[in-house]
Amino acid sequence: HLKALPDEELAQHVQPFLAKLGVVADERIASICGLFKDRCDTLVVLAQWISAFYLDVVPNAEEKAQHVTDAVKPALALLADKLATCVWDKPSIAAAIKATLTDTGLKMPQLAMPVRVVVMGTAQTPSLDA
């Protein structure tokens, strides 16, 4: 049922669950619902995913130890620098990721997994540019 709802309607339904988590949503909420609704089977789970956009994220310790290694930290810093100065849209974010991969010689999984862990707390997320 969640997957079939328009993002704007789903955003209205998830608001009470976000409030319980201390999240005050903004104009991004419908887009964020669209990003995660295929991964969720309840509004509670959807609210937990959405909360990462509004609250501090604590990375899963095991995944952080596995993916955020000393070898990849320079690439994470380089990507952070590129993202800080790029236009915040999908093509620009994708270009920043591609440039980081080119500059560091890493493959996408070597960069994507650590970024996911640092940004969302887990390695299992939608694509980076999304």
N, C-alpha and C. Protein backbone atom coordinates (compact mmCIF):
# COMPACT_ATOMS: atom_id res chain seq x y z
N HIS A 1 0.82 -1.20 0.00
CA HIS A 1 0.00 0.00 0.00
C HIS A 1 0.86 1.26 0.00
N LEU A 2 1.93 1.26 0.78
CA LEU A 2 2.80 2.45 0.84
C LEU A 2 3.40 2.77 -0.52
N LYS A 3 3.82 1.73 -1.22
CA LYS A 3 4.49 1.93 -2.50
C LYS A 3 3.57 2.54 -3.56
N ALA A 4 2.27 2.32 -3.41
CA ALA A 4 1.30 2.81 -4.39
C ALA A 4 0.87 4.25 -4.13
N LEU A 5 1.10 4.75 -2.94
CA LEU A 5 0.66 6.12 -2.61
C LEU A 5 1.54 7.16 -3.29
N PRO A 6 0.93 8.25 -3.72
CA PRO A 6 1.74 9.38 -4.20
C PRO A 6 2.62 9.90 -3.06
N ASP A 7 3.80 10.37 -3.40
CA ASP A 7 4.76 10.81 -2.39
C ASP A 7 4.18 11.87 -1.46
N GLU A 8 3.42 12.81 -2.00
CA GLU A 8 2.85 13.89 -1.18
C GLU A 8 1.87 13.35 -0.16
N GLU A 9 1.06 12.37 -0.56
CA GLU A 9 0.10 11.77 0.37
C GLU A 9 0.82 10.94 1.43
N LEU A 10 1.82 10.20 1.01
CA LEU A 10 2.60 9.40 1.95
C LEU A 10 3.28 10.30 2.98
N ALA A 11 3.75 11.45 2.54
CA ALA A 11 4.38 12.40 3.46
C ALA A 11 3.42 12.83 4.56
N GLN A 12 2.17 13.01 4.23
CA GLN A 12 1.17 13.38 5.24
C GLN A 12 0.96 12.24 6.24
N HIS A 13 0.92 11.01 5.74
CA HIS A 13 0.70 9.85 6.61
C HIS A 13 1.87 9.58 7.55
N VAL A 14 3.08 9.88 7.12
CA VAL A 14 4.26 9.56 7.93
C VAL A 14 4.56 10.65 8.97
N GLN A 15 3.97 11.82 8.83
CA GLN A 15 4.25 12.95 9.74
C GLN A 15 4.12 12.59 11.23
N PRO A 16 3.03 11.92 11.66
CA PRO A 16 2.93 11.60 13.09
C PRO A 16 4.06 10.71 13.60
N PHE A 17 4.53 9.81 12.77
CA PHE A 17 5.62 8.91 13.15
C PHE A 17 6.95 9.66 13.22
N LEU A 18 7.10 10.64 12.33
CA LEU A 18 8.29 11.49 12.39
C LEU A 18 8.27 12.34 13.65
N ALA A 19 7.11 12.86 14.00
CA ALA A 19 6.99 13.68 15.21
C ALA A 19 7.40 12.89 16.45
N LYS A 20 7.05 11.61 16.50
CA LYS A 20 7.44 10.76 17.64
C LYS A 20 8.95 10.61 17.74
N LEU A 21 9.64 10.75 16.61
CA LEU A 21 11.10 10.67 16.59
C LEU A 21 11.76 12.02 16.81
N GLY A 22 10.94 13.07 16.95
CA GLY A 22 11.48 14.41 17.15
C GLY A 22 11.84 15.11 15.86
N VAL A 23 11.31 14.64 14.74
CA VAL A 23 11.62 15.21 13.43
C VAL A 23 10.57 16.24 13.05
N VAL A 24 11.02 17.41 12.68
CA VAL A 24 10.16 18.43 12.11
C VAL A 24 10.51 18.48 10.62
N ALA A 25 9.61 17.95 9.81
CA ALA A 25 9.89 17.83 8.38
C ALA A 25 9.77 19.18 7.69
N ASP A 26 10.37 19.25 6.50
CA ASP A 26 10.33 20.46 5.70
C ASP A 26 9.84 20.13 4.30
N GLU A 27 10.11 21.00 3.35
CA GLU A 27 9.61 20.82 1.98
C GLU A 27 10.21 19.61 1.27
N ARG A 28 11.27 19.02 1.81
CA ARG A 28 11.91 17.86 1.18
C ARG A 28 11.18 16.54 1.46
N ILE A 29 10.24 16.56 2.38
CA ILE A 29 9.67 15.32 2.91
C ILE A 29 9.05 14.42 1.83
N ALA A 30 8.31 14.99 0.89
CA ALA A 30 7.68 14.16 -0.15
C ALA A 30 8.75 13.47 -1.02
N SER A 31 9.78 14.20 -1.38
CA SER A 31 10.86 13.61 -2.18
C SER A 31 11.58 12.51 -1.41
N ILE A 32 11.79 12.72 -0.13
CA ILE A 32 12.46 11.71 0.69
C ILE A 32 11.59 10.47 0.81
N CYS A 33 10.27 10.66 0.95
CA CYS A 33 9.35 9.52 0.97
C CYS A 33 9.49 8.71 -0.31
N GLY A 34 9.55 9.39 -1.44
CA GLY A 34 9.70 8.71 -2.72
C GLY A 34 10.98 7.92 -2.82
N LEU A 35 12.01 8.40 -2.18
CA LEU A 35 13.32 7.74 -2.21
C LEU A 35 13.31 6.42 -1.44
N PHE A 36 12.53 6.37 -0.35
CA PHE A 36 12.60 5.21 0.54
C PHE A 36 11.36 4.31 0.56
N LYS A 37 10.26 4.72 -0.04
CA LYS A 37 9.03 3.95 0.12
C LYS A 37 9.13 2.52 -0.41
N ASP A 38 9.96 2.28 -1.41
CA ASP A 38 10.10 0.91 -1.93
C ASP A 38 10.85 0.00 -0.96
N ARG A 39 11.53 0.56 0.01
CA ARG A 39 12.30 -0.22 0.98
C ARG A 39 11.53 -0.48 2.27
N CYS A 40 10.33 0.09 2.38
CA CYS A 40 9.63 0.08 3.66
C CYS A 40 8.29 -0.64 3.57
N ASP A 41 7.96 -1.35 4.65
CA ASP A 41 6.68 -2.02 4.69
C ASP A 41 5.73 -1.39 5.71
N THR A 42 6.23 -0.46 6.53
CA THR A 42 5.37 0.25 7.48
C THR A 42 5.78 1.72 7.54
N LEU A 43 4.88 2.53 8.06
CA LEU A 43 5.19 3.95 8.24
C LEU A 43 6.26 4.15 9.30
N VAL A 44 6.33 3.26 10.26
CA VAL A 44 7.36 3.34 11.31
C VAL A 44 8.75 3.19 10.68
N VAL A 45 8.90 2.20 9.81
CA VAL A 45 10.19 1.97 9.14
C VAL A 45 10.52 3.14 8.22
N LEU A 46 9.53 3.64 7.50
CA LEU A 46 9.75 4.80 6.63
C LEU A 46 10.21 6.00 7.45
N ALA A 47 9.58 6.23 8.57
CA ALA A 47 9.97 7.36 9.44
C ALA A 47 11.41 7.20 9.93
N GLN A 48 11.82 5.99 10.22
CA GLN A 48 13.20 5.77 10.67
C GLN A 48 14.20 6.12 9.57
N TRP A 49 13.91 5.72 8.34
CA TRP A 49 14.80 6.08 7.23
C TRP A 49 14.83 7.59 7.03
N ILE A 50 13.67 8.21 7.04
CA ILE A 50 13.58 9.65 6.82
C ILE A 50 14.31 10.42 7.90
N SER A 51 14.28 9.92 9.12
CA SER A 51 14.90 10.64 10.23
C SER A 51 16.39 10.91 10.01
N ALA A 52 17.04 10.08 9.20
CA ALA A 52 18.47 10.28 8.93
C ALA A 52 18.73 11.60 8.22
N PHE A 53 17.71 12.17 7.56
CA PHE A 53 17.87 13.45 6.88
C PHE A 53 17.72 14.63 7.84
N TYR A 54 17.24 14.36 9.06
CA TYR A 54 16.94 15.44 9.99
C TYR A 54 17.65 15.31 11.34
N LEU A 55 18.06 14.13 11.69
CA LEU A 55 18.71 13.89 12.98
C LEU A 55 20.14 13.42 12.77
N ASP A 56 20.93 13.45 13.83
CA ASP A 56 22.30 12.94 13.74
C ASP A 56 22.27 11.44 13.46
N VAL A 57 23.16 11.01 12.60
CA VAL A 57 23.26 9.60 12.23
C VAL A 57 24.43 8.99 12.99
N VAL A 58 24.19 7.83 13.58
CA VAL A 58 25.25 7.07 14.24
C VAL A 58 25.49 5.83 13.39
N PRO A 59 26.63 5.77 12.70
CA PRO A 59 26.90 4.62 11.83
C PRO A 59 26.95 3.31 12.60
N ASN A 60 26.47 2.26 11.97
CA ASN A 60 26.57 0.92 12.51
C ASN A 60 28.06 0.61 12.69
N ALA A 61 28.46 0.24 13.90
CA ALA A 61 29.88 0.07 14.23
C ALA A 61 30.56 -1.00 13.36
N GLU A 62 29.88 -2.12 13.14
CA GLU A 62 30.47 -3.18 12.32
C GLU A 62 30.69 -2.72 10.88
N GLU A 63 29.67 -2.06 10.32
CA GLU A 63 29.78 -1.60 8.94
C GLU A 63 30.81 -0.49 8.82
N LYS A 64 30.90 0.36 9.84
CA LYS A 64 31.91 1.42 9.81
C LYS A 64 33.31 0.82 9.82
N ALA A 65 33.53 -0.15 10.68
CA ALA A 65 34.84 -0.80 10.75
C ALA A 65 35.18 -1.51 9.44
N GLN A 66 34.17 -2.09 8.80
CA GLN A 66 34.39 -2.82 7.56
C GLN A 66 34.63 -1.90 6.37
N HIS A 67 33.88 -0.80 6.28
CA HIS A 67 33.90 0.02 5.07
C HIS A 67 34.67 1.33 5.17
N VAL A 68 34.70 1.94 6.34
CA VAL A 68 35.36 3.25 6.48
C VAL A 68 36.78 3.00 7.00
N THR A 69 37.64 2.61 6.09
CA THR A 69 39.01 2.26 6.44
C THR A 69 39.94 3.45 6.23
N ASP A 70 41.13 3.35 6.78
CA ASP A 70 42.12 4.42 6.58
C ASP A 70 42.43 4.62 5.11
N ALA A 71 42.37 3.54 4.32
CA ALA A 71 42.67 3.64 2.90
C ALA A 71 41.63 4.46 2.13
N VAL A 72 40.39 4.46 2.59
CA VAL A 72 39.33 5.16 1.86
C VAL A 72 39.05 6.56 2.42
N LYS A 73 39.56 6.86 3.59
CA LYS A 73 39.28 8.18 4.20
C LYS A 73 39.71 9.36 3.34
N PRO A 74 40.86 9.31 2.66
CA PRO A 74 41.20 10.43 1.77
C PRO A 74 40.18 10.62 0.64
N ALA A 75 39.65 9.54 0.12
CA ALA A 75 38.63 9.64 -0.94
C ALA A 75 37.34 10.25 -0.38
N LEU A 76 36.99 9.88 0.84
CA LEU A 76 35.80 10.47 1.47
C LEU A 76 35.98 11.97 1.65
N ALA A 77 37.16 12.38 2.07
CA ALA A 77 37.44 13.81 2.24
C ALA A 77 37.39 14.54 0.90
N LEU A 78 37.95 13.93 -0.13
CA LEU A 78 37.92 14.53 -1.47
C LEU A 78 36.49 14.67 -1.97
N LEU A 79 35.68 13.63 -1.79
CA LEU A 79 34.29 13.70 -2.21
C LEU A 79 33.54 14.78 -1.41
N ALA A 80 33.79 14.86 -0.14
CA ALA A 80 33.14 15.89 0.69
C ALA A 80 33.47 17.29 0.16
N ASP A 81 34.73 17.51 -0.21
CA ASP A 81 35.14 18.80 -0.78
C ASP A 81 34.40 19.08 -2.09
N LYS A 82 34.32 18.08 -2.94
CA LYS A 82 33.64 18.25 -4.24
C LYS A 82 32.14 18.52 -4.04
N LEU A 83 31.54 17.81 -3.11
CA LEU A 83 30.10 18.00 -2.86
C LEU A 83 29.81 19.36 -2.23
N ALA A 84 30.75 19.87 -1.46
CA ALA A 84 30.55 21.17 -0.80
C ALA A 84 30.46 22.31 -1.80
N THR A 85 31.01 22.11 -2.99
CA THR A 85 31.04 23.20 -3.96
C THR A 85 30.19 22.92 -5.20
N CYS A 86 29.48 21.81 -5.24
CA CYS A 86 28.70 21.50 -6.44
C CYS A 86 27.24 21.91 -6.27
N VAL A 87 26.58 22.06 -7.41
CA VAL A 87 25.14 22.29 -7.40
C VAL A 87 24.50 21.03 -6.83
N TRP A 88 23.47 21.20 -6.00
CA TRP A 88 22.89 20.04 -5.31
C TRP A 88 21.75 19.45 -6.13
N ASP A 89 22.12 18.79 -7.23
CA ASP A 89 21.16 18.05 -8.03
C ASP A 89 21.81 16.74 -8.46
N LYS A 90 20.99 15.83 -8.96
CA LYS A 90 21.48 14.48 -9.28
C LYS A 90 22.65 14.48 -10.27
N PRO A 91 22.57 15.22 -11.39
CA PRO A 91 23.70 15.19 -12.33
C PRO A 91 25.00 15.73 -11.72
N SER A 92 24.91 16.77 -10.93
CA SER A 92 26.11 17.36 -10.32
C SER A 92 26.70 16.44 -9.25
N ILE A 93 25.83 15.82 -8.47
CA ILE A 93 26.31 14.89 -7.45
C ILE A 93 26.97 13.68 -8.13
N ALA A 94 26.34 13.17 -9.19
CA ALA A 94 26.92 12.05 -9.94
C ALA A 94 28.28 12.43 -10.51
N ALA A 95 28.40 13.66 -11.01
CA ALA A 95 29.69 14.12 -11.57
C ALA A 95 30.76 14.21 -10.48
N ALA A 96 30.38 14.67 -9.30
CA ALA A 96 31.34 14.75 -8.18
C ALA A 96 31.81 13.35 -7.77
N ILE A 97 30.89 12.41 -7.76
CA ILE A 97 31.25 11.03 -7.43
C ILE A 97 32.18 10.46 -8.49
N LYS A 98 31.83 10.66 -9.76
CA LYS A 98 32.66 10.15 -10.86
C LYS A 98 34.06 10.77 -10.83
N ALA A 99 34.14 12.08 -10.57
CA ALA A 99 35.44 12.74 -10.51
C ALA A 99 36.27 12.19 -9.35
N THR A 100 35.63 11.92 -8.23
CA THR A 100 36.35 11.34 -7.09
C THR A 100 36.87 9.96 -7.43
N LEU A 101 36.06 9.16 -8.10
CA LEU A 101 36.50 7.82 -8.51
C LEU A 101 37.70 7.92 -9.45
N THR A 102 37.62 8.85 -10.40
CA THR A 102 38.72 9.04 -11.36
C THR A 102 39.99 9.50 -10.65
N ASP A 103 39.84 10.48 -9.76
CA ASP A 103 40.99 11.04 -9.06
C ASP A 103 41.67 10.04 -8.13
N THR A 104 40.90 9.12 -7.57
CA THR A 104 41.46 8.20 -6.58
C THR A 104 41.74 6.81 -7.14
N GLY A 105 41.18 6.48 -8.31
CA GLY A 105 41.35 5.16 -8.87
C GLY A 105 40.49 4.09 -8.21
N LEU A 106 39.56 4.52 -7.38
CA LEU A 106 38.67 3.56 -6.72
C LEU A 106 37.55 3.15 -7.66
N LYS A 107 36.95 2.00 -7.38
CA LYS A 107 35.74 1.54 -8.06
C LYS A 107 34.53 2.00 -7.23
N MET A 108 33.37 2.07 -7.87
CA MET A 108 32.18 2.58 -7.19
C MET A 108 31.90 1.89 -5.85
N PRO A 109 31.90 0.56 -5.75
CA PRO A 109 31.61 -0.04 -4.44
C PRO A 109 32.60 0.35 -3.35
N GLN A 110 33.87 0.59 -3.74
CA GLN A 110 34.88 0.97 -2.76
C GLN A 110 34.60 2.35 -2.17
N LEU A 111 33.92 3.20 -2.90
CA LEU A 111 33.56 4.53 -2.41
C LEU A 111 32.13 4.57 -1.89
N ALA A 112 31.22 3.91 -2.61
CA ALA A 112 29.80 4.00 -2.27
C ALA A 112 29.49 3.44 -0.90
N MET A 113 30.04 2.30 -0.57
CA MET A 113 29.72 1.68 0.72
C MET A 113 30.16 2.56 1.90
N PRO A 114 31.38 3.07 1.91
CA PRO A 114 31.76 3.96 3.01
C PRO A 114 30.91 5.23 3.07
N VAL A 115 30.58 5.81 1.92
CA VAL A 115 29.75 7.01 1.92
C VAL A 115 28.39 6.70 2.52
N ARG A 116 27.80 5.59 2.14
CA ARG A 116 26.49 5.21 2.69
C ARG A 116 26.56 5.05 4.20
N VAL A 117 27.60 4.41 4.68
CA VAL A 117 27.74 4.19 6.13
C VAL A 117 27.87 5.52 6.86
N VAL A 118 28.68 6.42 6.33
CA VAL A 118 28.91 7.71 6.99
C VAL A 118 27.65 8.59 6.93
N VAL A 119 26.97 8.59 5.79
CA VAL A 119 25.83 9.49 5.61
C VAL A 119 24.55 8.94 6.22
N MET A 120 24.27 7.65 6.00
CA MET A 120 23.00 7.08 6.43
C MET A 120 23.11 6.11 7.60
N GLY A 121 24.33 5.74 7.98
CA GLY A 121 24.51 4.85 9.11
C GLY A 121 24.58 3.38 8.75
N THR A 122 24.31 3.06 7.49
CA THR A 122 24.32 1.67 7.03
C THR A 122 24.75 1.64 5.57
N ALA A 123 25.27 0.49 5.15
CA ALA A 123 25.74 0.36 3.77
C ALA A 123 24.59 0.06 2.80
N GLN A 124 23.41 -0.24 3.31
CA GLN A 124 22.27 -0.59 2.47
C GLN A 124 21.35 0.62 2.30
N THR A 125 21.54 1.36 1.22
CA THR A 125 20.74 2.55 0.96
C THR A 125 20.48 2.67 -0.54
N PRO A 126 19.63 3.62 -0.93
CA PRO A 126 19.50 3.90 -2.36
C PRO A 126 20.83 4.41 -2.94
N SER A 127 20.87 4.59 -4.25
CA SER A 127 22.10 5.03 -4.90
C SER A 127 22.58 6.37 -4.33
N LEU A 128 23.86 6.59 -4.40
CA LEU A 128 24.46 7.79 -3.80
C LEU A 128 23.89 9.07 -4.39
N ASP A 129 23.75 9.14 -5.69
CA ASP A 129 23.29 10.40 -6.30
C ASP A 129 21.81 10.66 -6.05
N ALA A 130 21.08 9.61 -5.68
CA ALA A 130 19.66 9.80 -5.33
C ALA A 130 19.56 10.54 -4.02
